[in-house]
Amino acid sequence: MYEAAFNFFLAVGVRDKKVALLISSHDNKKNAYFGKEGFVFTLPALHQLLMAYDHRVSSTYIDCRKMLYRSEINTRLAKHGYHIVLQQSSPTNHVDSNCYCLARLSPQTDT
């Protein structure tokens, strides 16, 4: 399941046509969309997209969420120029309703 999530994020980063179509046809567009900073999503919406992307993804949302939080996905994504950041906390600050963003890493400048 981890590899499926990692591959999904890489495909999103390069705007793979299949993945872009999957995202644009997603039922809840306010919870998974391409914004000006990158791909914005809630964890439940991401889980739905991952299940549609790859059959190996667990149908249990809680298992998927645990896998993401326990993984080193940001470390691996950084090697490809991306990272996942908290874009906006929900009023309840619950992880299920927070918005996250897969964005390009800013180029580092030497000073």
N, C-alpha and C. Protein backbone atom coordinates (compact mmCIF):
# COMPACT_ATOMS: atom_id res chain seq x y z
N MET A 1 0.82 -1.19 0.00
CA MET A 1 0.00 0.00 0.00
C MET A 1 0.87 1.26 0.00
N TYR A 2 1.99 1.21 0.70
CA TYR A 2 2.88 2.37 0.74
C TYR A 2 3.40 2.72 -0.65
N GLU A 3 3.84 1.71 -1.39
CA GLU A 3 4.37 1.96 -2.73
C GLU A 3 3.30 2.55 -3.65
N ALA A 4 2.08 2.10 -3.50
CA ALA A 4 0.99 2.64 -4.30
C ALA A 4 0.79 4.13 -4.00
N ALA A 5 0.84 4.50 -2.72
CA ALA A 5 0.68 5.91 -2.34
C ALA A 5 1.86 6.73 -2.87
N PHE A 6 3.06 6.22 -2.72
CA PHE A 6 4.24 6.93 -3.20
C PHE A 6 4.17 7.15 -4.72
N ASN A 7 3.83 6.09 -5.45
CA ASN A 7 3.71 6.20 -6.91
C ASN A 7 2.60 7.15 -7.31
N PHE A 8 1.50 7.16 -6.56
CA PHE A 8 0.41 8.08 -6.84
C PHE A 8 0.90 9.53 -6.71
N PHE A 9 1.60 9.83 -5.63
CA PHE A 9 2.08 11.20 -5.43
C PHE A 9 3.08 11.61 -6.52
N LEU A 10 3.94 10.69 -6.94
CA LEU A 10 4.85 11.02 -8.03
C LEU A 10 4.09 11.29 -9.32
N ALA A 11 3.07 10.49 -9.58
CA ALA A 11 2.25 10.69 -10.78
C ALA A 11 1.51 12.03 -10.71
N VAL A 12 1.03 12.38 -9.53
CA VAL A 12 0.39 13.69 -9.36
C VAL A 12 1.39 14.80 -9.63
N GLY A 13 2.59 14.64 -9.12
CA GLY A 13 3.62 15.67 -9.28
C GLY A 13 3.94 15.97 -10.73
N VAL A 14 3.96 14.94 -11.56
CA VAL A 14 4.28 15.15 -12.98
C VAL A 14 3.01 15.34 -13.82
N ARG A 15 1.87 15.44 -13.14
CA ARG A 15 0.57 15.63 -13.79
C ARG A 15 0.28 14.54 -14.83
N ASP A 16 0.52 13.30 -14.40
CA ASP A 16 0.19 12.15 -15.23
C ASP A 16 -1.28 12.26 -15.66
N LYS A 17 -1.56 12.04 -16.94
CA LYS A 17 -2.91 12.24 -17.47
C LYS A 17 -3.94 11.34 -16.81
N LYS A 18 -3.57 10.09 -16.57
CA LYS A 18 -4.50 9.14 -15.94
C LYS A 18 -4.86 9.62 -14.53
N VAL A 19 -3.87 10.05 -13.78
CA VAL A 19 -4.10 10.50 -12.41
C VAL A 19 -4.85 11.84 -12.40
N ALA A 20 -4.50 12.73 -13.31
CA ALA A 20 -5.20 14.01 -13.39
C ALA A 20 -6.68 13.80 -13.70
N LEU A 21 -6.98 12.85 -14.59
CA LEU A 21 -8.38 12.52 -14.90
C LEU A 21 -9.07 11.92 -13.68
N LEU A 22 -8.39 11.05 -12.98
CA LEU A 22 -8.95 10.45 -11.77
C LEU A 22 -9.31 11.54 -10.75
N ILE A 23 -8.42 12.50 -10.57
CA ILE A 23 -8.66 13.59 -9.61
C ILE A 23 -9.79 14.49 -10.09
N SER A 24 -9.79 14.85 -11.36
CA SER A 24 -10.81 15.76 -11.86
C SER A 24 -12.20 15.12 -11.89
N SER A 25 -12.27 13.80 -11.93
CA SER A 25 -13.57 13.13 -11.93
C SER A 25 -14.00 12.70 -10.53
N HIS A 26 -13.19 13.03 -9.52
CA HIS A 26 -13.51 12.67 -8.13
C HIS A 26 -14.78 13.38 -7.70
N ASP A 27 -15.63 12.67 -6.96
CA ASP A 27 -16.93 13.20 -6.55
C ASP A 27 -16.84 14.48 -5.71
N ASN A 28 -15.91 14.54 -4.81
CA ASN A 28 -15.85 15.66 -3.88
C ASN A 28 -14.68 16.56 -4.24
N LYS A 29 -14.88 17.45 -5.19
CA LYS A 29 -13.80 18.28 -5.72
C LYS A 29 -13.27 19.30 -4.72
N LYS A 30 -14.02 19.60 -3.67
CA LYS A 30 -13.51 20.54 -2.68
C LYS A 30 -12.50 19.88 -1.73
N ASN A 31 -12.42 18.54 -1.76
CA ASN A 31 -11.51 17.82 -0.88
C ASN A 31 -10.33 17.17 -1.60
N ALA A 32 -10.24 17.34 -2.92
CA ALA A 32 -9.11 16.83 -3.70
C ALA A 32 -9.09 17.57 -5.03
N TYR A 33 -8.11 18.45 -5.20
CA TYR A 33 -8.06 19.26 -6.42
C TYR A 33 -6.65 19.82 -6.61
N PHE A 34 -6.40 20.29 -7.82
CA PHE A 34 -5.14 20.98 -8.11
C PHE A 34 -5.34 22.46 -7.82
N GLY A 35 -4.58 22.97 -6.87
CA GLY A 35 -4.60 24.38 -6.54
C GLY A 35 -3.35 25.06 -7.07
N LYS A 36 -3.20 26.33 -6.79
CA LYS A 36 -2.03 27.04 -7.33
C LYS A 36 -0.72 26.57 -6.67
N GLU A 37 -0.79 26.06 -5.45
CA GLU A 37 0.42 25.57 -4.78
C GLU A 37 0.75 24.13 -5.12
N GLY A 38 -0.26 23.37 -5.55
CA GLY A 38 -0.05 21.95 -5.84
C GLY A 38 -1.34 21.18 -5.68
N PHE A 39 -1.23 19.90 -5.40
CA PHE A 39 -2.39 19.03 -5.22
C PHE A 39 -2.86 19.12 -3.78
N VAL A 40 -4.07 19.60 -3.57
CA VAL A 40 -4.65 19.81 -2.24
C VAL A 40 -5.63 18.67 -1.97
N PHE A 41 -5.60 18.14 -0.75
CA PHE A 41 -6.45 16.99 -0.43
C PHE A 41 -6.69 16.86 1.06
N THR A 42 -7.79 16.22 1.40
CA THR A 42 -8.00 15.74 2.76
C THR A 42 -7.61 14.27 2.76
N LEU A 43 -7.33 13.73 3.91
CA LEU A 43 -6.94 12.32 3.97
C LEU A 43 -8.05 11.37 3.53
N PRO A 44 -9.32 11.60 3.90
CA PRO A 44 -10.37 10.69 3.39
C PRO A 44 -10.49 10.74 1.86
N ALA A 45 -10.38 11.92 1.28
CA ALA A 45 -10.44 12.03 -0.18
C ALA A 45 -9.24 11.34 -0.83
N LEU A 46 -8.07 11.51 -0.23
CA LEU A 46 -6.88 10.83 -0.74
C LEU A 46 -7.07 9.32 -0.72
N HIS A 47 -7.61 8.81 0.37
CA HIS A 47 -7.85 7.37 0.47
C HIS A 47 -8.75 6.88 -0.65
N GLN A 48 -9.82 7.61 -0.94
CA GLN A 48 -10.72 7.22 -2.03
C GLN A 48 -9.97 7.20 -3.37
N LEU A 49 -9.15 8.21 -3.60
CA LEU A 49 -8.38 8.27 -4.84
C LEU A 49 -7.37 7.14 -4.92
N LEU A 50 -6.71 6.85 -3.81
CA LEU A 50 -5.72 5.77 -3.81
C LEU A 50 -6.37 4.42 -4.11
N MET A 51 -7.56 4.20 -3.57
CA MET A 51 -8.25 2.92 -3.84
C MET A 51 -8.61 2.82 -5.32
N ALA A 52 -8.98 3.93 -5.93
CA ALA A 52 -9.30 3.92 -7.36
C ALA A 52 -8.04 3.79 -8.21
N TYR A 53 -6.92 4.27 -7.69
CA TYR A 53 -5.64 4.25 -8.42
C TYR A 53 -5.01 2.87 -8.42
N ASP A 54 -5.09 2.17 -7.28
CA ASP A 54 -4.38 0.90 -7.15
C ASP A 54 -5.16 -0.04 -6.24
N HIS A 55 -5.45 -1.22 -6.71
CA HIS A 55 -6.23 -2.19 -5.94
C HIS A 55 -5.52 -2.69 -4.68
N ARG A 56 -4.22 -2.45 -4.57
CA ARG A 56 -3.48 -2.93 -3.39
C ARG A 56 -3.71 -2.05 -2.17
N VAL A 57 -4.35 -0.91 -2.34
CA VAL A 57 -4.59 0.00 -1.21
C VAL A 57 -5.71 -0.57 -0.36
N SER A 58 -5.48 -0.59 0.94
CA SER A 58 -6.46 -1.13 1.88
C SER A 58 -7.77 -0.36 1.80
N SER A 59 -8.85 -1.11 1.86
CA SER A 59 -10.15 -0.45 1.84
C SER A 59 -10.48 0.17 3.20
N THR A 60 -9.63 -0.05 4.18
CA THR A 60 -9.84 0.53 5.49
C THR A 60 -9.12 1.86 5.58
N TYR A 61 -9.89 2.92 5.73
CA TYR A 61 -9.32 4.26 5.78
C TYR A 61 -8.32 4.41 6.94
N ILE A 62 -8.66 3.90 8.09
CA ILE A 62 -7.79 4.04 9.26
C ILE A 62 -6.43 3.39 9.00
N ASP A 63 -6.41 2.21 8.37
CA ASP A 63 -5.14 1.55 8.04
C ASP A 63 -4.32 2.40 7.08
N CYS A 64 -4.99 2.98 6.10
CA CYS A 64 -4.30 3.83 5.13
C CYS A 64 -3.71 5.07 5.82
N ARG A 65 -4.49 5.69 6.68
CA ARG A 65 -4.02 6.87 7.40
C ARG A 65 -2.81 6.53 8.28
N LYS A 66 -2.89 5.43 8.99
CA LYS A 66 -1.76 5.00 9.83
C LYS A 66 -0.51 4.78 8.99
N MET A 67 -0.69 4.13 7.84
CA MET A 67 0.44 3.86 6.96
C MET A 67 1.11 5.15 6.53
N LEU A 68 0.31 6.14 6.16
CA LEU A 68 0.89 7.42 5.72
C LEU A 68 1.65 8.10 6.84
N TYR A 69 1.08 8.12 8.02
CA TYR A 69 1.73 8.80 9.14
C TYR A 69 2.97 8.07 9.63
N ARG A 70 3.01 6.77 9.49
CA ARG A 70 4.16 5.99 9.95
C ARG A 70 5.27 5.90 8.91
N SER A 71 4.97 6.31 7.70
CA SER A 71 5.93 6.15 6.62
C SER A 71 6.91 7.33 6.55
N GLU A 72 7.89 7.16 5.73
CA GLU A 72 8.86 8.22 5.45
C GLU A 72 8.59 8.78 4.06
N ILE A 73 7.32 8.95 3.74
CA ILE A 73 6.94 9.34 2.39
C ILE A 73 7.52 10.71 2.02
N ASN A 74 7.56 11.65 2.96
CA ASN A 74 8.13 12.96 2.65
C ASN A 74 9.62 12.88 2.36
N THR A 75 10.32 12.01 3.05
CA THR A 75 11.75 11.83 2.80
C THR A 75 11.97 11.32 1.38
N ARG A 76 11.18 10.35 0.98
CA ARG A 76 11.31 9.80 -0.38
C ARG A 76 10.85 10.79 -1.44
N LEU A 77 9.76 11.49 -1.16
CA LEU A 77 9.27 12.48 -2.13
C LEU A 77 10.27 13.61 -2.32
N ALA A 78 10.96 13.99 -1.25
CA ALA A 78 11.95 15.07 -1.34
C ALA A 78 13.05 14.75 -2.33
N LYS A 79 13.39 13.49 -2.46
CA LYS A 79 14.40 13.09 -3.43
C LYS A 79 13.95 13.34 -4.87
N HIS A 80 12.65 13.53 -5.04
CA HIS A 80 12.08 13.80 -6.36
C HIS A 80 11.58 15.24 -6.48
N GLY A 81 11.86 16.05 -5.45
CA GLY A 81 11.51 17.46 -5.51
C GLY A 81 10.14 17.84 -4.99
N TYR A 82 9.51 16.96 -4.21
CA TYR A 82 8.18 17.22 -3.68
C TYR A 82 8.14 17.04 -2.17
N HIS A 83 7.09 17.58 -1.56
CA HIS A 83 6.81 17.31 -0.16
C HIS A 83 5.33 17.52 0.11
N ILE A 84 4.86 16.91 1.18
CA ILE A 84 3.47 17.07 1.62
C ILE A 84 3.50 17.95 2.85
N VAL A 85 2.68 18.99 2.80
CA VAL A 85 2.62 19.94 3.92
C VAL A 85 1.17 20.13 4.35
N LEU A 86 1.00 20.56 5.58
CA LEU A 86 -0.32 20.94 6.07
C LEU A 86 -0.66 22.28 5.43
N GLN A 87 -1.71 22.31 4.65
CA GLN A 87 -2.10 23.57 4.01
C GLN A 87 -3.04 24.38 4.88
N GLN A 88 -4.00 23.71 5.49
CA GLN A 88 -4.96 24.42 6.32
C GLN A 88 -5.52 23.50 7.38
N SER A 89 -5.45 23.94 8.62
CA SER A 89 -6.05 23.18 9.71
C SER A 89 -7.56 23.42 9.70
N SER A 90 -8.28 22.38 10.01
CA SER A 90 -9.73 22.54 10.14
C SER A 90 -10.02 23.23 11.47
N PRO A 91 -11.22 23.75 11.64
CA PRO A 91 -11.57 24.38 12.93
C PRO A 91 -11.38 23.44 14.11
N THR A 92 -11.58 22.14 13.89
CA THR A 92 -11.40 21.17 14.97
C THR A 92 -9.97 20.66 15.05
N ASN A 93 -9.15 21.01 14.06
CA ASN A 93 -7.77 20.55 13.96
C ASN A 93 -7.66 19.03 13.99
N HIS A 94 -8.63 18.37 13.40
CA HIS A 94 -8.60 16.91 13.31
C HIS A 94 -7.99 16.52 11.98
N VAL A 95 -7.10 15.54 12.00
CA VAL A 95 -6.38 15.15 10.79
C VAL A 95 -7.30 14.78 9.64
N ASP A 96 -8.47 14.25 9.94
CA ASP A 96 -9.38 13.83 8.88
C ASP A 96 -9.99 14.99 8.11
N SER A 97 -10.03 16.17 8.69
CA SER A 97 -10.62 17.31 8.00
C SER A 97 -9.61 18.41 7.68
N ASN A 98 -8.34 18.21 8.06
CA ASN A 98 -7.30 19.15 7.65
C ASN A 98 -7.05 19.02 6.15
N CYS A 99 -6.57 20.08 5.54
CA CYS A 99 -6.18 20.05 4.12
C CYS A 99 -4.66 19.98 4.02
N TYR A 100 -4.18 19.07 3.20
CA TYR A 100 -2.77 18.88 2.97
C TYR A 100 -2.47 19.24 1.51
N CYS A 101 -1.21 19.44 1.21
CA CYS A 101 -0.84 19.80 -0.15
C CYS A 101 0.46 19.11 -0.55
N LEU A 102 0.42 18.46 -1.71
CA LEU A 102 1.64 17.95 -2.32
C LEU A 102 2.17 19.08 -3.18
N ALA A 103 3.33 19.59 -2.83
CA ALA A 103 3.88 20.75 -3.54
C ALA A 103 5.33 20.49 -3.90
N ARG A 104 5.82 21.30 -4.82
CA ARG A 104 7.23 21.25 -5.18
C ARG A 104 8.04 21.86 -4.05
N LEU A 105 9.19 21.27 -3.79
CA LEU A 105 10.11 21.87 -2.84
C LEU A 105 10.68 23.15 -3.44
N SER A 106 10.85 24.14 -2.62
CA SER A 106 11.46 25.39 -3.09
C SER A 106 12.94 25.15 -3.33
N PRO A 107 13.48 25.69 -4.42
CA PRO A 107 14.91 25.53 -4.63
C PRO A 107 15.68 26.23 -3.51
N GLN A 108 16.69 25.56 -3.03
CA GLN A 108 17.51 26.16 -1.97
C GLN A 108 18.53 27.08 -2.58
N THR A 109 18.73 28.19 -1.93
CA THR A 109 19.72 29.14 -2.41
C THR A 109 20.85 29.23 -1.39
N ASP A 110 22.04 29.32 -1.89
CA ASP A 110 23.20 29.49 -1.00
C ASP A 110 23.39 30.97 -0.74
N THR A 111 23.67 31.31 0.52
CA THR A 111 23.92 32.71 0.86
C THR A 111 25.29 32.88 1.42
